[in-house]
Amino acid sequence: MNPPETDSDSPLRLTRLVALAAGQDDVKTDVQANHDNNQWWPTWITDYRMRMLVAGWSTRISYNMIGTYAGVVTQSARIGFDTLTRMPDAEVAALIQPLGLPAARIGYLRSLTAFLDSRDRDYLLEADATTVIANFANEVAHASYKVAQCSLLYARGYHCGIIPVDSGMISRLAPALGLSLSSGAIAHEQMRLYLETHADTHGDYYTRLRYEQRAVAFPARATPSWWLHLVLIYFKRRYLNQPHPRVCQQRPFCDQVMDCAHSPAMAMA
């Protein structure tokens, strides 16, 4: 897989953005609320198969639906993965009806079940992540690289080193960082690998930053990949999805990132 094309300032631009984003009160609140027990992928679910199912079912769910989604997840997890797979489609459809897209979600359940039956647990939880993600994306119906990344992250645990990349990170964040990605779904994998390498390379810096900001606690010897994922995803949601007037309008971002000469808020001041 070809890495994304970058300019020489891309890694530094990313560290600046993360440092600034992590210090914003709204982003910090979001990260703290989801770091230790994520609203989408709760820690109380321990069956890795159910975690993979839940991660897939979390697609196409808006933030306004998080309560509805959590109710379906709770009910499904109480039923259990094995029982769910034996339920007829009509019963599964009734269970997941509040989430919408029942045919696609049932198709994902059936295809995921076949995929899990064809692989042993050690392969899924211990094998090279890039290989497992590619197999998952290619073989599980209604999946994608993003769904595969999320499913494997949740199955292996928050701090496994995987950084999922959604479509907004491709369309909004990558240009702001000066990343030039391939067209198509493979861009999700290119950006994931770029971000994971960055987290490994700058892990000590982000660990110190988290400590200085008194943000969240990392497990011993864990890279800050989960924290970095949350900082980026919530900065994107709050500042890039609907361009915030404080954010630099230049692409890629200038060194200041926010409250600069290129931001509408400063132009109106």
C-alpha atoms as a PDB file:
ATOM      1  CA  MET A   1       0.000   0.000   0.000  1.00  0.00           C
ATOM      2  CA  ASN A   2       1.349   3.402  -0.972  1.00  0.00           C
ATOM      3  CA  PRO A   3       1.619   5.887   1.914  1.00  0.00           C
ATOM      4  CA  PRO A   4      -0.157   9.242   1.551  1.00  0.00           C
ATOM      5  CA  GLU A   5       1.773  12.028  -0.121  1.00  0.00           C
ATOM      6  CA  THR A   6       2.723  14.662   2.423  1.00  0.00           C
ATOM      7  CA  ASP A   7       4.633  17.890   2.540  1.00  0.00           C
ATOM      8  CA  SER A   8       7.556  18.245   4.948  1.00  0.00           C
ATOM      9  CA  ASP A   9       5.443  20.172   7.464  1.00  0.00           C
ATOM     10  CA  SER A  10       2.635  17.598   7.773  1.00  0.00           C
ATOM     11  CA  PRO A  11       3.846  15.850  10.967  1.00  0.00           C
ATOM     12  CA  LEU A  12       4.536  19.167  12.685  1.00  0.00           C
ATOM     13  CA  ARG A  13       1.203  20.521  11.484  1.00  0.00           C
ATOM     14  CA  LEU A  14      -0.537  17.516  13.034  1.00  0.00           C
ATOM     15  CA  THR A  15       1.207  17.891  16.405  1.00  0.00           C
ATOM     16  CA  ARG A  16       0.259  21.580  16.482  1.00  0.00           C
ATOM     17  CA  LEU A  17      -3.342  20.780  15.645  1.00  0.00           C
ATOM     18  CA  VAL A  18      -3.573  18.044  18.292  1.00  0.00           C
ATOM     19  CA  ALA A  19      -2.046  20.270  20.981  1.00  0.00           C
ATOM     20  CA  LEU A  20      -4.483  23.060  20.157  1.00  0.00           C
ATOM     21  CA  ALA A  21      -7.522  20.792  19.744  1.00  0.00           C
ATOM     22  CA  ALA A  22      -6.872  18.898  22.970  1.00  0.00           C
ATOM     23  CA  GLY A  23      -6.897  22.180  24.875  1.00  0.00           C
ATOM     24  CA  GLN A  24     -10.327  23.299  23.656  1.00  0.00           C
ATOM     25  CA  ASP A  25     -12.860  22.929  26.444  1.00  0.00           C
ATOM     26  CA  ASP A  26     -15.544  21.306  24.278  1.00  0.00           C
ATOM     27  CA  VAL A  27     -13.120  18.790  22.750  1.00  0.00           C
ATOM     28  CA  LYS A  28     -11.618  18.042  26.161  1.00  0.00           C
ATOM     29  CA  THR A  29     -15.097  17.385  27.560  1.00  0.00           C
ATOM     30  CA  ASP A  30     -15.928  15.016  24.683  1.00  0.00           C
ATOM     31  CA  VAL A  31     -12.654  13.121  25.077  1.00  0.00           C
ATOM     32  CA  GLN A  32     -13.058  12.763  28.835  1.00  0.00           C
ATOM     33  CA  ALA A  33     -16.629  11.512  28.392  1.00  0.00           C
ATOM     34  CA  ASN A  34     -15.589   8.796  25.925  1.00  0.00           C
ATOM     35  CA  HIS A  35     -12.019   7.807  26.788  1.00  0.00           C
ATOM     36  CA  ASP A  36     -12.545   5.333  29.620  1.00  0.00           C
ATOM     37  CA  ASN A  37     -15.975   4.054  28.590  1.00  0.00           C
ATOM     38  CA  ASN A  38     -16.986   5.056  25.087  1.00  0.00           C
ATOM     39  CA  GLN A  39     -20.671   5.830  24.530  1.00  0.00           C
ATOM     40  CA  TRP A  40     -20.644   3.962  21.229  1.00  0.00           C
ATOM     41  CA  TRP A  41     -18.534   0.982  22.257  1.00  0.00           C
ATOM     42  CA  PRO A  42     -19.010   0.368  26.013  1.00  0.00           C
ATOM     43  CA  THR A  43     -16.525  -1.625  28.056  1.00  0.00           C
ATOM     44  CA  TRP A  44     -19.180  -3.737  29.772  1.00  0.00           C
ATOM     45  CA  ILE A  45     -19.560  -5.788  26.573  1.00  0.00           C
ATOM     46  CA  THR A  46     -16.767  -8.345  26.779  1.00  0.00           C
ATOM     47  CA  ASP A  47     -17.546 -10.839  23.983  1.00  0.00           C
ATOM     48  CA  TYR A  48     -15.279  -9.801  21.102  1.00  0.00           C
ATOM     49  CA  ARG A  49     -17.838 -11.101  18.591  1.00  0.00           C
ATOM     50  CA  MET A  50     -20.564  -8.888  20.054  1.00  0.00           C
ATOM     51  CA  ARG A  51     -18.130  -5.981  20.001  1.00  0.00           C
ATOM     52  CA  MET A  52     -17.552  -6.512  16.277  1.00  0.00           C
ATOM     53  CA  LEU A  53     -21.293  -6.633  15.704  1.00  0.00           C
ATOM     54  CA  VAL A  54     -21.954  -3.489  17.743  1.00  0.00           C
ATOM     55  CA  ALA A  55     -19.198  -1.582  15.943  1.00  0.00           C
ATOM     56  CA  GLY A  56     -20.768  -2.430  12.593  1.00  0.00           C
ATOM     57  CA  TRP A  57     -24.228  -1.478  13.775  1.00  0.00           C
ATOM     58  CA  SER A  58     -22.920   1.908  14.962  1.00  0.00           C
ATOM     59  CA  THR A  59     -22.603   3.103  11.347  1.00  0.00           C
ATOM     60  CA  ARG A  60     -25.195   5.586  10.063  1.00  0.00           C
ATOM     61  CA  ILE A  61     -26.150   6.502  13.653  1.00  0.00           C
ATOM     62  CA  SER A  62     -26.214  10.233  14.384  1.00  0.00           C
ATOM     63  CA  TYR A  63     -25.246  11.755  17.722  1.00  0.00           C
ATOM     64  CA  ASN A  64     -28.907  12.575  18.248  1.00  0.00           C
ATOM     65  CA  MET A  65     -29.637   8.838  18.188  1.00  0.00           C
ATOM     66  CA  ILE A  66     -27.040   7.749  20.744  1.00  0.00           C
ATOM     67  CA  GLY A  67     -29.706   6.980  23.376  1.00  0.00           C
ATOM     68  CA  THR A  68     -31.731   4.869  20.951  1.00  0.00           C
ATOM     69  CA  TYR A  69     -28.597   3.099  19.762  1.00  0.00           C
ATOM     70  CA  ALA A  70     -27.467   2.386  23.340  1.00  0.00           C
ATOM     71  CA  GLY A  71     -30.848   0.818  24.106  1.00  0.00           C
ATOM     72  CA  VAL A  72     -30.604  -1.544  21.134  1.00  0.00           C
ATOM     73  CA  VAL A  73     -27.005  -2.416  22.033  1.00  0.00           C
ATOM     74  CA  THR A  74     -27.960  -3.208  25.634  1.00  0.00           C
ATOM     75  CA  GLN A  75     -30.856  -5.415  24.585  1.00  0.00           C
ATOM     76  CA  SER A  76     -28.777  -7.206  21.936  1.00  0.00           C
ATOM     77  CA  ALA A  77     -25.863  -7.846  24.284  1.00  0.00           C
ATOM     78  CA  ARG A  78     -28.205  -9.295  26.898  1.00  0.00           C
ATOM     79  CA  ILE A  79     -29.573 -11.694  24.297  1.00  0.00           C
ATOM     80  CA  GLY A  80     -26.004 -12.703  23.430  1.00  0.00           C
ATOM     81  CA  PHE A  81     -24.208 -13.219  20.141  1.00  0.00           C
ATOM     82  CA  ASP A  82     -24.922 -16.944  19.785  1.00  0.00           C
ATOM     83  CA  THR A  83     -28.653 -16.513  20.380  1.00  0.00           C
ATOM     84  CA  LEU A  84     -28.803 -13.564  17.992  1.00  0.00           C
ATOM     85  CA  THR A  85     -27.283 -15.619  15.193  1.00  0.00           C
ATOM     86  CA  ARG A  86     -29.992 -18.270  15.643  1.00  0.00           C
ATOM     87  CA  MET A  87     -32.875 -15.783  15.623  1.00  0.00           C
ATOM     88  CA  PRO A  88     -34.903 -15.516  12.393  1.00  0.00           C
ATOM     89  CA  ASP A  89     -34.509 -12.355  10.373  1.00  0.00           C
ATOM     90  CA  ALA A  90     -37.958 -11.078  11.368  1.00  0.00           C
ATOM     91  CA  GLU A  91     -37.063 -11.165  15.070  1.00  0.00           C
ATOM     92  CA  VAL A  92     -33.709  -9.475  14.499  1.00  0.00           C
ATOM     93  CA  ALA A  93     -35.433  -6.829  12.380  1.00  0.00           C
ATOM     94  CA  ALA A  94     -37.867  -6.071  15.196  1.00  0.00           C
ATOM     95  CA  LEU A  95     -34.957  -5.724  17.620  1.00  0.00           C
ATOM     96  CA  ILE A  96     -32.931  -3.318  15.484  1.00  0.00           C
ATOM     97  CA  GLN A  97     -35.847  -1.461  13.879  1.00  0.00           C
ATOM     98  CA  PRO A  98     -35.123   1.749  15.867  1.00  0.00           C
ATOM     99  CA  LEU A  99     -31.704   1.983  14.150  1.00  0.00           C
ATOM    100  CA  GLY A 100     -33.055   1.889  10.604  1.00  0.00           C
ATOM    101  CA  LEU A 101     -31.577   0.022   7.622  1.00  0.00           C
ATOM    102  CA  PRO A 102     -32.626  -3.396   9.000  1.00  0.00           C
ATOM    103  CA  ALA A 103     -31.783  -5.365   5.851  1.00  0.00           C
ATOM    104  CA  ALA A 104     -28.211  -4.060   5.773  1.00  0.00           C
ATOM    105  CA  ARG A 105     -27.711  -4.604   9.517  1.00  0.00           C
ATOM    106  CA  ILE A 106     -29.084  -8.159   9.325  1.00  0.00           C
ATOM    107  CA  GLY A 107     -26.885  -8.832   6.301  1.00  0.00           C
ATOM    108  CA  TYR A 108     -23.898  -7.606   8.311  1.00  0.00           C
ATOM    109  CA  LEU A 109     -24.803  -9.932  11.212  1.00  0.00           C
ATOM    110  CA  ARG A 110     -25.097 -12.969   8.945  1.00  0.00           C
ATOM    111  CA  SER A 111     -21.922 -12.225   7.019  1.00  0.00           C
ATOM    112  CA  LEU A 112     -19.971 -11.376  10.176  1.00  0.00           C
ATOM    113  CA  THR A 113     -21.060 -14.694  11.695  1.00  0.00           C
ATOM    114  CA  ALA A 114     -19.731 -16.595   8.686  1.00  0.00           C
ATOM    115  CA  PHE A 115     -16.485 -14.630   8.790  1.00  0.00           C
ATOM    116  CA  LEU A 116     -15.978 -15.343  12.501  1.00  0.00           C
ATOM    117  CA  ASP A 117     -16.748 -19.027  11.981  1.00  0.00           C
ATOM    118  CA  SER A 118     -13.995 -19.201   9.376  1.00  0.00           C
ATOM    119  CA  ARG A 119     -11.285 -17.619  11.567  1.00  0.00           C
ATOM    120  CA  ASP A 120      -9.969 -18.578  14.973  1.00  0.00           C
ATOM    121  CA  ARG A 121      -9.915 -16.187  17.911  1.00  0.00           C
ATOM    122  CA  ASP A 122      -6.120 -15.809  17.946  1.00  0.00           C
ATOM    123  CA  TYR A 123      -6.089 -14.692  14.326  1.00  0.00           C
ATOM    124  CA  LEU A 124      -8.741 -12.061  14.945  1.00  0.00           C
ATOM    125  CA  LEU A 125      -7.243 -10.672  18.138  1.00  0.00           C
ATOM    126  CA  GLU A 126      -3.510 -11.187  17.610  1.00  0.00           C
ATOM    127  CA  ALA A 127      -2.673 -11.249  13.894  1.00  0.00           C
ATOM    128  CA  ASP A 128      -1.351  -8.249  11.967  1.00  0.00           C
ATOM    129  CA  ALA A 129      -4.066  -5.603  12.077  1.00  0.00           C
ATOM    130  CA  THR A 130      -3.655  -4.522   8.447  1.00  0.00           C
ATOM    131  CA  THR A 131      -4.155  -8.103   7.259  1.00  0.00           C
ATOM    132  CA  VAL A 132      -7.227  -8.686   9.416  1.00  0.00           C
ATOM    133  CA  ILE A 133      -8.764  -5.337   8.417  1.00  0.00           C
ATOM    134  CA  ALA A 134      -8.278  -6.099   4.709  1.00  0.00           C
ATOM    135  CA  ASN A 135      -9.812  -9.558   5.066  1.00  0.00           C
ATOM    136  CA  PHE A 136     -12.725  -8.173   7.062  1.00  0.00           C
ATOM    137  CA  ALA A 137     -13.439  -5.363   4.588  1.00  0.00           C
ATOM    138  CA  ASN A 138     -13.296  -7.741   1.625  1.00  0.00           C
ATOM    139  CA  GLU A 139     -15.328 -10.607   3.103  1.00  0.00           C
ATOM    140  CA  VAL A 140     -17.970  -9.123   5.412  1.00  0.00           C
ATOM    141  CA  ALA A 141     -21.056  -7.774   3.655  1.00  0.00           C
ATOM    142  CA  HIS A 142     -21.987  -4.149   4.341  1.00  0.00           C
ATOM    143  CA  ALA A 143     -18.559  -3.575   5.855  1.00  0.00           C
ATOM    144  CA  SER A 144     -15.794  -1.285   4.633  1.00  0.00           C
ATOM    145  CA  TYR A 145     -12.303  -0.357   5.712  1.00  0.00           C
ATOM    146  CA  LYS A 146     -13.809   2.041   8.261  1.00  0.00           C
ATOM    147  CA  VAL A 147     -16.156  -0.611   9.684  1.00  0.00           C
ATOM    148  CA  ALA A 148     -13.305  -3.130   9.741  1.00  0.00           C
ATOM    149  CA  GLN A 149     -11.057  -0.674  11.589  1.00  0.00           C
ATOM    150  CA  CYS A 150     -13.742   0.118  14.158  1.00  0.00           C
ATOM    151  CA  SER A 151     -14.677  -3.537  14.641  1.00  0.00           C
ATOM    152  CA  LEU A 152     -11.116  -4.653  15.207  1.00  0.00           C
ATOM    153  CA  LEU A 153     -10.343  -1.740  17.517  1.00  0.00           C
ATOM    154  CA  TYR A 154     -13.356  -2.503  19.705  1.00  0.00           C
ATOM    155  CA  ALA A 155     -12.681  -6.259  19.647  1.00  0.00           C
ATOM    156  CA  ARG A 156      -9.060  -5.814  20.716  1.00  0.00           C
ATOM    157  CA  GLY A 157      -9.650  -2.958  23.162  1.00  0.00           C
ATOM    158  CA  TYR A 158      -9.338   0.816  23.042  1.00  0.00           C
ATOM    159  CA  HIS A 159      -5.564   0.900  23.504  1.00  0.00           C
ATOM    160  CA  CYS A 160      -4.622  -1.692  20.884  1.00  0.00           C
ATOM    161  CA  GLY A 161      -3.041   0.960  18.635  1.00  0.00           C
ATOM    162  CA  ILE A 162      -5.673   1.104  15.873  1.00  0.00           C
ATOM    163  CA  ILE A 163      -6.906   4.576  14.864  1.00  0.00           C
ATOM    164  CA  PRO A 164     -10.143   4.357  12.822  1.00  0.00           C
ATOM    165  CA  VAL A 165     -10.635   6.851  10.006  1.00  0.00           C
ATOM    166  CA  ASP A 166     -14.100   7.957   8.918  1.00  0.00           C
ATOM    167  CA  SER A 167     -15.128   9.775   5.748  1.00  0.00           C
ATOM    168  CA  GLY A 168     -14.999  13.177   7.430  1.00  0.00           C
ATOM    169  CA  MET A 169     -11.366  12.636   8.365  1.00  0.00           C
ATOM    170  CA  ILE A 170     -10.669  11.937   4.690  1.00  0.00           C
ATOM    171  CA  SER A 171     -12.594  14.917   3.329  1.00  0.00           C
ATOM    172  CA  ARG A 172     -12.047  17.488   6.106  1.00  0.00           C
ATOM    173  CA  LEU A 173      -8.991  16.615   8.159  1.00  0.00           C
ATOM    174  CA  ALA A 174      -6.598  15.242   5.543  1.00  0.00           C
ATOM    175  CA  PRO A 175      -6.577  18.431   3.384  1.00  0.00           C
ATOM    176  CA  ALA A 176      -6.093  20.535   6.511  1.00  0.00           C
ATOM    177  CA  LEU A 177      -2.989  18.504   7.336  1.00  0.00           C
ATOM    178  CA  GLY A 178      -1.575  18.545   3.824  1.00  0.00           C
ATOM    179  CA  LEU A 179      -2.179  14.838   3.194  1.00  0.00           C
ATOM    180  CA  SER A 180      -2.823  13.715  -0.369  1.00  0.00           C
ATOM    181  CA  LEU A 181      -4.628  10.380  -0.305  1.00  0.00           C
ATOM    182  CA  SER A 182      -5.574   7.909  -3.018  1.00  0.00           C
ATOM    183  CA  SER A 183      -9.129   7.988  -4.274  1.00  0.00           C
ATOM    184  CA  GLY A 184     -11.551   5.355  -3.046  1.00  0.00           C
ATOM    185  CA  ALA A 185     -11.873   3.294   0.101  1.00  0.00           C
ATOM    186  CA  ILE A 186      -8.143   2.593   0.405  1.00  0.00           C
ATOM    187  CA  ALA A 187      -7.688   6.183   1.590  1.00  0.00           C
ATOM    188  CA  HIS A 188      -9.069   5.106   4.978  1.00  0.00           C
ATOM    189  CA  GLU A 189      -6.235   2.626   5.367  1.00  0.00           C
ATOM    190  CA  GLN A 190      -3.587   5.057   4.137  1.00  0.00           C
ATOM    191  CA  MET A 191      -4.628   7.668   6.675  1.00  0.00           C
ATOM    192  CA  ARG A 192      -4.984   5.106   9.460  1.00  0.00           C
ATOM    193  CA  LEU A 193      -1.424   3.911   8.977  1.00  0.00           C
ATOM    194  CA  TYR A 194      -0.148   7.487   8.784  1.00  0.00           C
ATOM    195  CA  LEU A 195      -1.863   8.430  12.053  1.00  0.00           C
ATOM    196  CA  GLU A 196      -0.749   5.267  13.839  1.00  0.00           C
ATOM    197  CA  THR A 197       2.865   5.813  12.818  1.00  0.00           C
ATOM    198  CA  HIS A 198       2.568   9.402  14.011  1.00  0.00           C
ATOM    199  CA  ALA A 199       1.170   8.252  17.373  1.00  0.00           C
ATOM    200  CA  ASP A 200       4.087   5.852  17.815  1.00  0.00           C
ATOM    201  CA  THR A 201       6.683   8.442  16.810  1.00  0.00           C
ATOM    202  CA  HIS A 202       5.280  11.228  18.981  1.00  0.00           C
ATOM    203  CA  GLY A 203       3.933   9.100  21.810  1.00  0.00           C
ATOM    204  CA  ASP A 204       6.149  10.643  24.488  1.00  0.00           C
ATOM    205  CA  TYR A 205       5.103  14.152  23.471  1.00  0.00           C
ATOM    206  CA  TYR A 206       1.382  13.326  23.593  1.00  0.00           C
ATOM    207  CA  THR A 207       1.765  11.529  26.910  1.00  0.00           C
ATOM    208  CA  ARG A 208       3.377  14.660  28.390  1.00  0.00           C
ATOM    209  CA  LEU A 209       0.699  16.845  26.807  1.00  0.00           C
ATOM    210  CA  ARG A 210      -2.066  14.743  28.298  1.00  0.00           C
ATOM    211  CA  TYR A 211      -0.359  14.921  31.712  1.00  0.00           C
ATOM    212  CA  GLU A 212       0.097  18.699  31.527  1.00  0.00           C
ATOM    213  CA  GLN A 213      -3.554  19.169  30.595  1.00  0.00           C
ATOM    214  CA  ARG A 214      -4.686  16.769  33.323  1.00  0.00           C
ATOM    215  CA  ALA A 215      -6.882  15.119  30.745  1.00  0.00           C
ATOM    216  CA  VAL A 216      -7.157  11.332  30.947  1.00  0.00           C
ATOM    217  CA  ALA A 217      -5.065   8.436  32.203  1.00  0.00           C
ATOM    218  CA  PHE A 218      -3.259   6.083  29.828  1.00  0.00           C
ATOM    219  CA  PRO A 219      -2.655   2.442  30.731  1.00  0.00           C
ATOM    220  CA  ALA A 220       0.986   1.594  31.382  1.00  0.00           C
ATOM    221  CA  ARG A 221       3.040   1.139  28.197  1.00  0.00           C
ATOM    222  CA  ALA A 222       0.094   2.096  25.948  1.00  0.00           C
ATOM    223  CA  THR A 223       0.632   4.411  23.004  1.00  0.00           C
ATOM    224  CA  PRO A 224      -1.720   7.430  22.960  1.00  0.00           C
ATOM    225  CA  SER A 225      -3.531   6.138  19.858  1.00  0.00           C
ATOM    226  CA  TRP A 226      -7.008   5.984  21.444  1.00  0.00           C
ATOM    227  CA  TRP A 227      -6.655   9.462  22.938  1.00  0.00           C
ATOM    228  CA  LEU A 228      -5.362  10.807  19.611  1.00  0.00           C
ATOM    229  CA  HIS A 229      -8.303   9.237  17.777  1.00  0.00           C
ATOM    230  CA  LEU A 230     -10.791  10.880  20.127  1.00  0.00           C
ATOM    231  CA  VAL A 231      -9.111  14.292  19.959  1.00  0.00           C
ATOM    232  CA  LEU A 232      -9.125  14.233  16.153  1.00  0.00           C
ATOM    233  CA  ILE A 233     -12.644  12.872  15.748  1.00  0.00           C
ATOM    234  CA  TYR A 234     -14.182  15.420  18.128  1.00  0.00           C
ATOM    235  CA  PHE A 235     -12.165  18.324  16.758  1.00  0.00           C
ATOM    236  CA  LYS A 236     -13.391  17.348  13.308  1.00  0.00           C
ATOM    237  CA  ARG A 237     -16.975  17.142  14.522  1.00  0.00           C
ATOM    238  CA  ARG A 238     -16.978  20.467  16.366  1.00  0.00           C
ATOM    239  CA  TYR A 239     -14.689  22.566  14.177  1.00  0.00           C
ATOM    240  CA  LEU A 240     -14.435  21.074  10.678  1.00  0.00           C
ATOM    241  CA  ASN A 241     -17.765  19.429   9.767  1.00  0.00           C
ATOM    242  CA  GLN A 242     -19.352  22.864   9.763  1.00  0.00           C
ATOM    243  CA  PRO A 243     -16.304  25.143   9.368  1.00  0.00           C
ATOM    244  CA  HIS A 244     -15.885  27.071  12.593  1.00  0.00           C
ATOM    245  CA  PRO A 245     -15.127  30.810  12.217  1.00  0.00           C
ATOM    246  CA  ARG A 246     -12.061  30.469  14.450  1.00  0.00           C
ATOM    247  CA  VAL A 247     -10.446  27.836  12.215  1.00  0.00           C
ATOM    248  CA  CYS A 248      -7.872  28.669   9.555  1.00  0.00           C
ATOM    249  CA  GLN A 249      -9.472  28.606   6.097  1.00  0.00           C
ATOM    250  CA  GLN A 250      -6.155  27.949   4.359  1.00  0.00           C
ATOM    251  CA  ARG A 251      -5.470  24.397   3.168  1.00  0.00           C
ATOM    252  CA  PRO A 252      -3.290  23.026   4.500  1.00  0.00           C
ATOM    253  CA  PHE A 253      -3.560  24.890   7.783  1.00  0.00           C
ATOM    254  CA  CYS A 254      -1.066  27.600   8.557  1.00  0.00           C
ATOM    255  CA  ASP A 255       1.132  27.199  11.637  1.00  0.00           C
ATOM    256  CA  GLN A 256      -1.419  28.882  13.887  1.00  0.00           C
ATOM    257  CA  VAL A 257      -4.359  26.570  12.972  1.00  0.00           C
ATOM    258  CA  MET A 258      -6.952  28.731  14.768  1.00  0.00           C
ATOM    259  CA  ASP A 259      -7.525  32.440  15.410  1.00  0.00           C
ATOM    260  CA  CYS A 260      -5.154  33.377  12.589  1.00  0.00           C
ATOM    261  CA  ALA A 261      -5.297  35.896   9.751  1.00  0.00           C
ATOM    262  CA  HIS A 262      -7.064  33.278   7.609  1.00  0.00           C
ATOM    263  CA  SER A 263      -9.931  32.649  10.052  1.00  0.00           C
ATOM    264  CA  PRO A 264     -13.249  34.469   9.488  1.00  0.00           C
ATOM    265  CA  ALA A 265     -13.543  35.346  13.162  1.00  0.00           C
ATOM    266  CA  MET A 266     -10.306  37.347  13.062  1.00  0.00           C
ATOM    267  CA  ALA A 267     -11.245  38.989   9.758  1.00  0.00           C
ATOM    268  CA  MET A 268     -14.462  40.267  11.349  1.00  0.00           C
ATOM    269  CA  ALA A 269     -12.766  41.419  14.567  1.00  0.00           C
END
